Amino acid sequence: MRETIKRGNGYVVMENGEAVAEITYQPLGSESLVIDHTFVSESLRGQKVGEELVRAVVDQAREEKKTVVPACSYAHALFKRHKEYHDIWRREEE
């Protein structure tokens, strides 16, 4: 059985007692969350598990009325593809 649980500054997907995917974030002041890491095990790739984890952080940020900085490359690519995330995307100065 697979379940997603909140753990510290992130979420972990557990399967049969083992962590098989994770996402972590760090606070940026009191107004933003920085997604700094995503990992999905080889066996789960292509099943949108990473997208589910990003969505969990996005949902949390919306509940807390915060913006998100997608610093890891996977989260950044998702934010570029999904217009529904643009309202909370905090773009850093380039």
C-alpha atoms as a PDB file:
ATOM      1  CA  MET A   1       0.000   0.000   0.000  1.00  0.00           C
ATOM      2  CA  ARG A   2       1.263   3.472  -0.913  1.00  0.00           C
ATOM      3  CA  GLU A   3       0.667   6.570   1.207  1.00  0.00           C
ATOM      4  CA  THR A   4       1.961  10.136   1.210  1.00  0.00           C
ATOM      5  CA  ILE A   5       2.808  11.622   4.581  1.00  0.00           C
ATOM      6  CA  LYS A   6       4.036  15.013   5.731  1.00  0.00           C
ATOM      7  CA  ARG A   7       7.465  14.751   7.280  1.00  0.00           C
ATOM      8  CA  GLY A   8       9.352  17.805   8.514  1.00  0.00           C
ATOM      9  CA  ASN A   9       9.762  20.274   5.652  1.00  0.00           C
ATOM     10  CA  GLY A  10       8.437  17.951   2.995  1.00  0.00           C
ATOM     11  CA  TYR A  11       6.399  14.949   2.020  1.00  0.00           C
ATOM     12  CA  VAL A  12       7.374  11.286   1.667  1.00  0.00           C
ATOM     13  CA  VAL A  13       5.686   8.519  -0.283  1.00  0.00           C
ATOM     14  CA  MET A  14       5.834   5.295   1.691  1.00  0.00           C
ATOM     15  CA  GLU A  15       5.294   1.887   0.164  1.00  0.00           C
ATOM     16  CA  ASN A  16       5.425  -1.244   2.321  1.00  0.00           C
ATOM     17  CA  GLY A  17       7.206   0.704   5.055  1.00  0.00           C
ATOM     18  CA  GLU A  18       9.880   2.088   2.731  1.00  0.00           C
ATOM     19  CA  ALA A  19      10.326   5.675   1.509  1.00  0.00           C
ATOM     20  CA  VAL A  20      10.112   5.493  -2.297  1.00  0.00           C
ATOM     21  CA  ALA A  21       9.717   9.189  -3.169  1.00  0.00           C
ATOM     22  CA  GLU A  22      10.168  12.528  -1.437  1.00  0.00           C
ATOM     23  CA  ILE A  23      10.062  16.270  -1.810  1.00  0.00           C
ATOM     24  CA  THR A  24      11.629  18.823   0.508  1.00  0.00           C
ATOM     25  CA  TYR A  25      11.283  22.557   0.869  1.00  0.00           C
ATOM     26  CA  GLN A  26      12.744  25.325   2.973  1.00  0.00           C
ATOM     27  CA  PRO A  27      10.994  28.459   4.220  1.00  0.00           C
ATOM     28  CA  LEU A  28      12.055  31.726   2.616  1.00  0.00           C
ATOM     29  CA  GLY A  29      11.116  34.362   5.127  1.00  0.00           C
ATOM     30  CA  SER A  30       7.528  34.103   6.236  1.00  0.00           C
ATOM     31  CA  GLU A  31       5.997  34.401   2.779  1.00  0.00           C
ATOM     32  CA  SER A  32       7.498  31.636   0.595  1.00  0.00           C
ATOM     33  CA  LEU A  33       8.514  27.975   0.385  1.00  0.00           C
ATOM     34  CA  VAL A  34      11.529  26.930  -1.705  1.00  0.00           C
ATOM     35  CA  ILE A  35      11.227  23.451  -3.226  1.00  0.00           C
ATOM     36  CA  ASP A  36      14.840  22.310  -3.125  1.00  0.00           C
ATOM     37  CA  HIS A  37      14.697  18.565  -3.764  1.00  0.00           C
ATOM     38  CA  THR A  38      12.517  15.897  -5.341  1.00  0.00           C
ATOM     39  CA  PHE A  39      13.243  12.204  -5.675  1.00  0.00           C
ATOM     40  CA  VAL A  40      11.174   9.364  -7.112  1.00  0.00           C
ATOM     41  CA  SER A  41      12.483   5.795  -7.099  1.00  0.00           C
ATOM     42  CA  GLU A  42      13.090   4.137 -10.433  1.00  0.00           C
ATOM     43  CA  SER A  43      10.137   1.779  -9.934  1.00  0.00           C
ATOM     44  CA  LEU A  44       7.663   4.688  -9.660  1.00  0.00           C
ATOM     45  CA  ARG A  45       8.936   6.949 -12.419  1.00  0.00           C
ATOM     46  CA  GLY A  46       6.417   7.778 -15.105  1.00  0.00           C
ATOM     47  CA  GLN A  47       3.489   7.344 -12.693  1.00  0.00           C
ATOM     48  CA  LYS A  48       3.134  11.072 -11.837  1.00  0.00           C
ATOM     49  CA  VAL A  49       4.293  10.523  -8.257  1.00  0.00           C
ATOM     50  CA  GLY A  50       6.623  13.520  -8.508  1.00  0.00           C
ATOM     51  CA  GLU A  51       3.741  15.671  -9.722  1.00  0.00           C
ATOM     52  CA  GLU A  52       1.653  14.557  -6.738  1.00  0.00           C
ATOM     53  CA  LEU A  53       4.440  15.610  -4.383  1.00  0.00           C
ATOM     54  CA  VAL A  54       4.804  19.030  -6.014  1.00  0.00           C
ATOM     55  CA  ARG A  55       1.033  19.447  -5.817  1.00  0.00           C
ATOM     56  CA  ALA A  56       1.157  18.669  -2.072  1.00  0.00           C
ATOM     57  CA  VAL A  57       3.615  21.529  -1.502  1.00  0.00           C
ATOM     58  CA  VAL A  58       1.579  23.831  -3.772  1.00  0.00           C
ATOM     59  CA  ASP A  59      -1.606  22.993  -1.846  1.00  0.00           C
ATOM     60  CA  GLN A  60       0.155  23.637   1.453  1.00  0.00           C
ATOM     61  CA  ALA A  61       1.495  26.984   0.189  1.00  0.00           C
ATOM     62  CA  ARG A  62      -1.976  28.018  -0.947  1.00  0.00           C
ATOM     63  CA  GLU A  63      -3.471  27.099   2.431  1.00  0.00           C
ATOM     64  CA  GLU A  64      -0.774  29.134   4.165  1.00  0.00           C
ATOM     65  CA  LYS A  65      -1.136  31.992   1.633  1.00  0.00           C
ATOM     66  CA  LYS A  66       2.510  31.681   0.571  1.00  0.00           C
ATOM     67  CA  THR A  67       4.328  31.674  -2.738  1.00  0.00           C
ATOM     68  CA  VAL A  68       6.629  28.922  -4.022  1.00  0.00           C
ATOM     69  CA  VAL A  69      10.134  29.095  -5.467  1.00  0.00           C
ATOM     70  CA  PRO A  70      10.670  25.910  -7.523  1.00  0.00           C
ATOM     71  CA  ALA A  71      14.460  25.731  -7.102  1.00  0.00           C
ATOM     72  CA  CYS A  72      14.962  22.083  -8.056  1.00  0.00           C
ATOM     73  CA  SER A  73      14.929  21.388 -11.788  1.00  0.00           C
ATOM     74  CA  TYR A  74      11.994  18.966 -11.684  1.00  0.00           C
ATOM     75  CA  ALA A  75       9.701  21.362  -9.792  1.00  0.00           C
ATOM     76  CA  HIS A  76      10.802  24.233 -12.034  1.00  0.00           C
ATOM     77  CA  ALA A  77       9.885  22.259 -15.159  1.00  0.00           C
ATOM     78  CA  LEU A  78       6.449  21.467 -13.708  1.00  0.00           C
ATOM     79  CA  PHE A  79       5.814  25.098 -12.818  1.00  0.00           C
ATOM     80  CA  LYS A  80       6.675  26.099 -16.386  1.00  0.00           C
ATOM     81  CA  ARG A  81       4.257  23.495 -17.814  1.00  0.00           C
ATOM     82  CA  HIS A  82       1.343  24.000 -15.423  1.00  0.00           C
ATOM     83  CA  LYS A  83      -0.292  27.408 -15.649  1.00  0.00           C
ATOM     84  CA  GLU A  84      -2.394  26.617 -12.564  1.00  0.00           C
ATOM     85  CA  TYR A  85       0.783  27.092 -10.476  1.00  0.00           C
ATOM     86  CA  HIS A  86       1.637  30.516 -11.897  1.00  0.00           C
ATOM     87  CA  ASP A  87      -0.453  32.383  -9.314  1.00  0.00           C
ATOM     88  CA  ILE A  88       1.844  31.293  -6.478  1.00  0.00           C
ATOM     89  CA  TRP A  89       5.126  31.094  -8.417  1.00  0.00           C
ATOM     90  CA  ARG A  90       7.657  33.443  -6.877  1.00  0.00           C
ATOM     91  CA  ARG A  91      10.129  34.113  -9.639  1.00  0.00           C
ATOM     92  CA  GLU A  92      13.556  35.098  -8.409  1.00  0.00           C
ATOM     93  CA  GLU A  93      15.415  37.923 -10.109  1.00  0.00           C
ATOM     94  CA  GLU A  94      17.415  36.559 -13.018  1.00  0.00           C
END
